[in-house]
Amino acid sequence: MKIVFVETEDDEQSFFAESLAGHDVAFVDDIGGVPRDADIVSVFIHSRVGTEFFRRHPKVKLVASRSSASDHLDLKAAARRGVVLARVPDYGAATVAEHTFALILGVTRRLRHCLDTKNRGRGATERLRGLELRGKTLGVVGTGRVGSMVLSIGKAFGMECVAFDRKADAELAEKIGFRYVSLDKLLRCSDIVTLHVPLNPRTRHLLSAKRLARGKPGFILINTARGALVDIDALLAGLNSGQVGGVGLDVLEDDTVFRHDASRIIGEQIVQKIHAISTPGGDPLRREKRLRELEGIMRNRQLLAHENVFFTPHVGFNSIEAIERINLGTVQNIRDFLAGRLRPEAVVAP
């Protein structure tokens, strides 16, 4: 079997090669480099797999994602081709939950300002004054593996905890000690709102301008799930008006700015898009697409530059323990598939 891994680190490559000895194992930097004769492909969340990929790779039988999320995989296209999609359903709930609180503390203790050398000397004490978490209300959207751990940590901080989920778990609520409320009520009463739901057509821009306006004035928003859960234009407007008091982000709608030096890559993208738009002639639809991309890049730049935004470059999943579980789970999925016994919970189904 020709097994190709996309977007791997050097230390991961030796593990995969040794674990799958006896197969033709190869590594490429991006999805475009996958050879046409690949039988199995393992991707990370930055690799979009859909109709065009399957057209160019007719032999692919399994796409094993090194993630629990599946929004980068086209489930319908895979079903039409008879390709099995696999994921690692649970690898880093504790890691992401802990990072969520790193962001919460980063915002509430004004760590971005603390690291700014301008905030020194007379008057700095007031500029760097933070918020205490004890007694504040934490609103958790999504009470799956990560969300439930965030609620447990919130209780340990002495916070009042409320949650919203389409499928309320009364037993979980009693065990941890939180209340289920509607999404609108959660927004109205929470000092801090944190998102822990998957991205799909129903949750895209879950927090729209109308929803953000219903929030408690000055509330803090944390997102370690998916960038597109929040309307970025509405979020910028909320920050500028003060309706949103602070934001902790580990994700953006376009995470490519996190894969390299953010300022450099954004600058390069802006120059490329402006050149493409200003070049005479060409396809009008393509020019319009480039213009939308340029607008998106500029919004990301505005958002990350805002003084009340504390961000990390999509590293919420990235702990030693979680990566080990991802890699072990991915190898297990590939072995199970080859043996004809892939676990139901590992299969991504439409």
Protein backbone atom coordinates (compact mmCIF):
# COMPACT_ATOMS: atom_id res chain seq x y z
CA MET A 1 0.00 0.00 0.00
CA LYS A 2 1.21 3.51 -0.81
CA ILE A 3 0.51 5.60 2.30
CA VAL A 4 1.13 9.35 2.07
CA PHE A 5 1.26 11.73 5.04
CA VAL A 6 0.63 15.45 4.54
CA GLU A 7 1.85 18.25 6.86
CA THR A 8 4.04 16.25 9.25
CA GLU A 9 6.92 17.31 11.47
CA ASP A 10 10.33 15.64 11.20
CA ASP A 11 9.98 13.75 14.48
CA GLU A 12 6.58 12.39 13.40
CA GLN A 13 7.87 11.02 10.11
CA SER A 14 10.20 8.46 11.67
CA PHE A 15 7.38 7.25 13.93
CA PHE A 16 4.96 6.78 11.03
CA ALA A 17 7.56 5.11 8.83
CA GLU A 18 8.53 2.63 11.57
CA SER A 19 4.92 1.98 12.65
CA LEU A 20 3.85 1.16 9.10
CA ALA A 21 6.93 -0.75 8.02
CA GLY A 22 6.23 -3.00 5.08
CA HIS A 23 4.22 -0.34 3.26
CA ASP A 24 5.41 2.37 0.88
CA VAL A 25 5.25 5.37 3.25
CA ALA A 26 5.88 8.86 1.86
CA PHE A 27 5.68 12.43 3.21
CA VAL A 28 4.70 15.64 1.41
CA ASP A 29 4.40 19.23 2.58
CA ASP A 30 0.92 19.96 1.23
CA ILE A 31 -2.10 18.28 -0.32
CA GLY A 32 -1.00 19.31 -3.81
CA GLY A 33 2.08 17.10 -3.49
CA VAL A 34 0.21 13.83 -2.94
CA PRO A 35 1.14 11.44 -5.76
CA ARG A 36 -1.62 10.21 -8.05
CA ASP A 37 -1.09 6.55 -7.11
CA ALA A 38 -1.62 6.99 -3.35
CA ASP A 39 -3.87 4.36 -1.72
CA ILE A 40 -4.15 5.95 1.73
CA VAL A 41 -3.65 9.62 2.63
CA SER A 42 -3.29 11.08 6.13
CA VAL A 43 -3.98 14.80 6.42
CA PHE A 44 -4.18 17.53 9.03
CA ILE A 45 -6.88 20.21 9.28
CA HIS A 46 -5.22 22.62 6.81
CA SER A 47 -5.65 20.13 3.94
CA ARG A 48 -8.99 20.43 2.13
CA VAL A 49 -10.09 17.10 0.71
CA GLY A 50 -12.98 17.08 -1.75
CA THR A 51 -14.19 16.34 -5.27
CA GLU A 52 -11.14 17.72 -7.07
CA PHE A 53 -8.74 15.76 -4.85
CA PHE A 54 -10.63 12.52 -5.44
CA ARG A 55 -10.70 13.18 -9.19
CA ARG A 56 -6.92 13.50 -9.25
CA HIS A 57 -6.37 10.51 -6.95
CA PRO A 58 -8.54 7.64 -8.24
CA LYS A 59 -6.82 4.96 -6.14
CA VAL A 60 -7.40 6.54 -2.71
CA LYS A 61 -9.42 4.24 -0.44
CA LEU A 62 -8.91 5.91 2.97
CA VAL A 63 -8.32 9.47 4.16
CA ALA A 64 -7.13 9.37 7.77
CA SER A 65 -7.30 12.79 9.37
CA ARG A 66 -5.02 13.49 12.31
CA SER A 67 -7.79 15.40 14.07
CA SER A 68 -11.16 14.99 15.73
CA ALA A 69 -12.69 17.68 13.51
CA SER A 70 -13.85 16.87 9.99
CA ASP A 71 -14.93 20.21 8.49
CA HIS A 72 -11.94 20.08 6.10
CA LEU A 73 -13.26 16.85 4.56
CA ASP A 74 -16.05 16.74 1.96
CA LEU A 75 -18.18 13.89 3.29
CA LYS A 76 -20.56 13.80 0.31
CA ALA A 77 -17.73 13.69 -2.23
CA ALA A 78 -16.08 10.85 -0.28
CA ALA A 79 -19.37 8.93 -0.12
CA ARG A 80 -19.85 9.28 -3.90
CA ARG A 81 -16.38 7.85 -4.46
CA GLY A 82 -16.65 5.16 -1.80
CA VAL A 83 -13.70 6.58 0.13
CA VAL A 84 -13.62 5.97 3.89
CA LEU A 85 -12.91 9.00 6.08
CA ALA A 86 -11.36 8.42 9.51
CA ARG A 87 -10.46 10.67 12.44
CA VAL A 88 -9.10 10.43 15.96
CA PRO A 89 -12.24 11.09 18.01
CA ASP A 90 -10.65 11.89 21.37
CA TYR A 91 -7.05 12.91 21.83
CA GLY A 92 -6.79 16.31 23.44
CA ALA A 93 -9.83 17.37 25.46
CA ALA A 94 -7.69 18.20 28.50
CA THR A 95 -5.08 19.96 26.35
CA VAL A 96 -7.63 22.22 24.60
CA ALA A 97 -9.54 22.89 27.83
CA GLU A 98 -6.33 23.96 29.59
CA HIS A 99 -5.42 26.20 26.64
CA THR A 100 -8.87 27.75 26.82
CA PHE A 101 -8.06 28.92 30.32
CA ALA A 102 -4.64 30.12 29.18
CA LEU A 103 -6.50 32.44 26.80
CA ILE A 104 -9.03 33.43 29.45
CA LEU A 105 -6.21 34.39 31.79
CA GLY A 106 -4.34 36.07 28.94
CA VAL A 107 -7.31 38.38 28.37
CA THR A 108 -8.43 38.95 31.95
CA ARG A 109 -4.91 39.58 33.25
CA ARG A 110 -4.09 41.77 30.21
CA LEU A 111 -0.99 39.79 29.31
CA ARG A 112 -0.67 41.40 25.88
CA HIS A 113 -0.38 44.77 27.59
CA CYS A 114 1.98 43.37 30.21
CA LEU A 115 4.40 42.24 27.49
CA ASP A 116 4.33 45.63 25.77
CA THR A 117 7.40 47.62 26.82
CA LYS A 118 5.39 50.84 26.57
CA ASN A 119 3.46 49.82 29.66
CA ARG A 120 6.18 50.62 32.16
CA GLY A 121 6.67 53.26 34.80
CA ARG A 122 4.17 55.76 36.16
CA GLY A 123 0.54 54.90 35.45
CA ALA A 124 1.30 51.32 34.39
CA THR A 125 -0.48 49.80 37.38
CA GLU A 126 -3.85 51.06 36.21
CA ARG A 127 -3.25 50.14 32.56
CA LEU A 128 -2.29 46.60 33.54
CA ARG A 129 -5.07 46.02 36.06
CA GLY A 130 -6.83 42.71 35.43
CA LEU A 131 -10.01 40.88 36.42
CA GLU A 132 -10.55 38.17 39.03
CA LEU A 133 -12.29 35.01 37.78
CA ARG A 134 -13.84 33.97 41.09
CA GLY A 135 -17.51 34.91 41.13
CA LYS A 136 -17.68 35.65 37.39
CA THR A 137 -20.14 33.77 35.15
CA LEU A 138 -18.63 31.43 32.56
CA GLY A 139 -20.82 30.53 29.59
CA VAL A 140 -19.77 27.39 27.69
CA VAL A 141 -21.26 26.76 24.25
CA GLY A 142 -21.03 23.01 23.63
CA THR A 143 -20.72 20.46 26.43
CA GLY A 144 -18.84 17.68 24.67
CA ARG A 145 -15.45 16.39 25.81
CA VAL A 146 -13.71 19.78 25.75
CA GLY A 147 -16.64 21.87 26.94
CA SER A 148 -17.31 19.64 29.94
CA MET A 149 -13.65 19.88 31.00
CA VAL A 150 -13.76 23.67 30.66
CA LEU A 151 -16.80 23.71 32.95
CA SER A 152 -14.95 21.59 35.53
CA ILE A 153 -11.97 23.95 35.47
CA GLY A 154 -14.31 26.93 35.73
CA LYS A 155 -15.87 25.46 38.85
CA ALA A 156 -12.38 25.00 40.32
CA PHE A 157 -11.78 28.73 39.77
CA GLY A 158 -14.94 29.48 41.76
CA MET A 159 -16.94 30.61 38.73
CA GLU A 160 -20.69 30.41 38.21
CA CYS A 161 -21.11 28.15 35.18
CA VAL A 162 -23.87 27.97 32.57
CA ALA A 163 -23.92 26.10 29.27
CA PHE A 164 -25.77 25.71 26.01
CA ASP A 165 -25.96 22.52 23.96
CA ARG A 166 -28.57 21.19 21.54
CA LYS A 167 -28.46 17.95 23.51
CA ALA A 168 -28.52 18.78 27.21
CA ASP A 169 -26.94 16.21 29.53
CA ALA A 170 -28.71 16.50 32.89
CA GLU A 171 -26.42 13.94 34.52
CA LEU A 172 -23.32 15.88 33.46
CA ALA A 173 -24.83 19.15 34.70
CA GLU A 174 -25.53 17.66 38.11
CA LYS A 175 -22.10 16.03 38.34
CA ILE A 176 -20.13 19.20 37.52
CA GLY A 177 -22.58 21.71 38.95
CA PHE A 178 -23.72 23.95 36.07
CA ARG A 179 -27.05 24.97 34.50
CA TYR A 180 -28.21 24.57 30.91
CA VAL A 181 -29.74 27.72 29.46
CA SER A 182 -30.68 28.98 25.99
CA LEU A 183 -27.92 30.50 23.88
CA ASP A 184 -29.46 33.97 24.15
CA LYS A 185 -29.70 33.72 27.95
CA LEU A 186 -26.11 32.46 28.13
CA LEU A 187 -24.95 35.51 26.17
CA ARG A 188 -26.96 37.89 28.34
CA CYS A 189 -25.64 36.63 31.67
CA SER A 190 -22.03 35.51 30.96
CA ASP A 191 -18.94 37.56 31.72
CA ILE A 192 -16.90 35.12 29.63
CA VAL A 193 -18.25 33.07 26.68
CA THR A 194 -16.21 30.21 25.26
CA LEU A 195 -16.99 28.15 22.14
CA HIS A 196 -16.62 24.37 21.93
CA VAL A 197 -18.79 23.20 19.04
CA PRO A 198 -17.86 21.75 15.63
CA LEU A 199 -18.07 23.83 12.47
CA ASN A 200 -20.86 22.85 10.09
CA PRO A 201 -23.49 24.72 8.03
CA ARG A 202 -25.68 25.11 11.13
CA THR A 203 -22.94 26.60 13.33
CA ARG A 204 -21.15 28.81 10.77
CA HIS A 205 -21.33 32.39 12.11
CA LEU A 206 -23.18 31.09 15.16
CA LEU A 207 -22.19 34.37 16.79
CA SER A 208 -23.54 36.92 14.32
CA ALA A 209 -23.89 40.66 14.82
CA LYS A 210 -27.36 40.15 16.35
CA ARG A 211 -26.11 37.49 18.75
CA LEU A 212 -23.07 39.50 19.83
CA ALA A 213 -25.35 42.48 20.49
CA ARG A 214 -27.37 40.31 22.91
CA GLY A 215 -24.29 39.64 25.02
CA LYS A 216 -23.59 41.21 28.37
CA PRO A 217 -21.92 44.59 27.65
CA GLY A 218 -18.14 44.19 27.76
CA PHE A 219 -18.18 40.37 27.81
CA ILE A 220 -15.08 38.40 26.89
CA LEU A 221 -15.19 35.90 24.00
CA ILE A 222 -12.86 32.88 23.77
CA ASN A 223 -12.59 30.67 20.68
CA THR A 224 -10.41 27.57 20.52
CA ALA A 225 -12.78 25.67 18.21
CA ARG A 226 -13.14 27.08 14.67
CA GLY A 227 -12.74 30.66 13.45
CA ALA A 228 -15.85 30.62 11.26
CA LEU A 229 -18.10 30.13 14.28
CA VAL A 230 -17.90 33.92 14.67
CA ASP A 231 -18.69 36.62 12.09
CA ILE A 232 -15.37 38.49 12.00
CA ASP A 233 -16.93 41.78 10.82
CA ALA A 234 -19.41 41.68 13.69
CA LEU A 235 -16.62 40.82 16.12
CA LEU A 236 -14.50 43.77 15.00
CA ALA A 237 -17.50 46.08 15.32
CA GLY A 238 -18.20 44.70 18.80
CA LEU A 239 -14.61 45.28 19.90
CA ASN A 240 -14.57 48.81 18.55
CA SER A 241 -17.86 49.69 20.26
CA GLY A 242 -16.90 48.06 23.57
CA GLN A 243 -19.80 45.59 23.44
CA VAL A 244 -17.10 42.91 23.33
CA GLY A 245 -14.57 43.76 26.02
CA GLY A 246 -11.87 41.31 25.02
CA VAL A 247 -11.19 38.30 22.82
CA GLY A 248 -8.96 35.26 23.23
CA LEU A 249 -8.37 33.44 19.94
CA ASP A 250 -6.55 30.30 18.92
CA VAL A 251 -8.31 30.09 15.53
CA LEU A 252 -9.22 32.31 12.59
CA GLU A 253 -11.55 31.70 9.67
CA ASP A 254 -8.38 31.50 7.56
CA ASP A 255 -5.67 29.92 9.70
CA THR A 256 -2.96 30.18 7.01
CA VAL A 257 -1.70 33.34 8.72
CA PHE A 258 -0.81 31.18 11.71
CA ARG A 259 1.29 28.72 9.71
CA HIS A 260 4.12 31.19 9.11
CA ASP A 261 5.27 34.50 10.54
CA ALA A 262 1.92 36.30 10.73
CA SER A 263 3.03 39.82 9.77
CA ARG A 264 5.22 38.60 6.91
CA ILE A 265 2.71 36.22 5.38
CA ILE A 266 -0.15 38.71 5.64
CA GLY A 267 2.01 41.37 3.97
CA GLU A 268 2.95 39.01 1.14
CA GLN A 269 -0.67 37.94 0.63
CA ILE A 270 -1.84 41.55 0.45
CA VAL A 271 0.74 42.41 -2.22
CA GLN A 272 -0.17 39.32 -4.28
CA LYS A 273 -3.91 39.99 -4.12
CA ILE A 274 -3.55 43.70 -4.98
CA HIS A 275 -1.36 42.78 -7.96
CA ALA A 276 -3.91 40.21 -9.15
CA ILE A 277 -6.79 42.69 -8.81
CA SER A 278 -4.98 45.61 -10.48
CA THR A 279 -3.64 43.64 -13.47
CA PRO A 280 -5.66 44.65 -16.58
CA GLY A 281 -7.85 42.00 -18.23
CA GLY A 282 -8.43 38.54 -16.83
CA ASP A 283 -11.49 36.75 -15.59
CA PRO A 284 -13.90 39.11 -13.73
CA LEU A 285 -15.07 36.29 -11.45
CA ARG A 286 -11.48 35.50 -10.53
CA ARG A 287 -10.80 39.18 -9.79
CA GLU A 288 -13.89 39.31 -7.58
CA LYS A 289 -12.70 36.21 -5.72
CA ARG A 290 -9.26 37.81 -5.18
CA LEU A 291 -10.95 40.95 -3.86
CA ARG A 292 -12.94 38.91 -1.32
CA GLU A 293 -9.75 37.12 -0.27
CA LEU A 294 -7.96 40.46 0.17
CA GLU A 295 -10.83 41.77 2.30
CA GLY A 296 -10.59 38.64 4.47
CA ILE A 297 -6.84 39.07 4.94
CA MET A 298 -7.30 42.71 5.96
CA ARG A 299 -10.01 41.79 8.47
CA ASN A 300 -7.73 39.17 10.02
CA ARG A 301 -4.96 41.74 10.24
CA GLN A 302 -7.27 44.27 11.91
CA LEU A 303 -8.51 41.67 14.36
CA LEU A 304 -5.09 40.42 15.45
CA ALA A 305 -3.80 43.97 15.78
CA HIS A 306 -6.61 45.06 18.13
CA GLU A 307 -5.28 45.85 21.59
CA ASN A 308 -8.00 43.82 23.31
CA VAL A 309 -7.31 40.64 21.35
CA PHE A 310 -5.00 38.02 22.85
CA PHE A 311 -4.17 35.31 20.32
CA THR A 312 -2.13 32.16 19.87
CA PRO A 313 -1.32 30.52 16.49
CA HIS A 314 -3.69 27.53 16.55
CA VAL A 315 -1.74 25.58 19.17
CA GLY A 316 -4.58 24.63 21.51
CA PHE A 317 -4.21 20.97 20.50
CA ASN A 318 -0.41 21.01 20.62
CA SER A 319 0.80 19.25 23.75
CA ILE A 320 3.26 16.37 23.93
CA GLU A 321 0.55 14.06 25.23
CA ALA A 322 -2.11 15.05 22.68
CA ILE A 323 0.22 14.72 19.67
CA GLU A 324 1.27 11.28 20.87
CA ARG A 325 -2.39 10.24 21.08
CA ILE A 326 -3.13 11.69 17.62
CA ASN A 327 -0.25 9.81 16.01
CA LEU A 328 -0.99 6.53 17.76
CA GLY A 329 -4.68 6.84 16.90
CA THR A 330 -3.92 7.59 13.24
CA VAL A 331 -1.66 4.55 12.90
CA GLN A 332 -4.30 2.42 14.61
CA ASN A 333 -6.96 3.69 12.20
CA ILE A 334 -4.81 2.81 9.19
CA ARG A 335 -3.99 -0.66 10.55
CA ASP A 336 -7.64 -1.30 11.42
CA PHE A 337 -8.77 -0.21 7.97
CA LEU A 338 -6.28 -2.55 6.30
CA ALA A 339 -7.50 -5.37 8.55
CA GLY A 340 -11.15 -4.57 7.78
CA ARG A 341 -12.12 -3.63 11.32
CA LEU A 342 -12.08 0.18 11.57
CA ARG A 343 -13.84 1.26 14.79
CA PRO A 344 -17.25 2.90 14.21
CA GLU A 345 -16.33 5.89 16.40
CA ALA A 346 -13.31 6.57 14.16
CA VAL A 347 -15.36 6.70 10.96
CA VAL A 348 -16.57 10.11 9.77
CA ALA A 349 -20.11 9.59 8.49
CA PRO A 350 -22.37 12.07 6.61
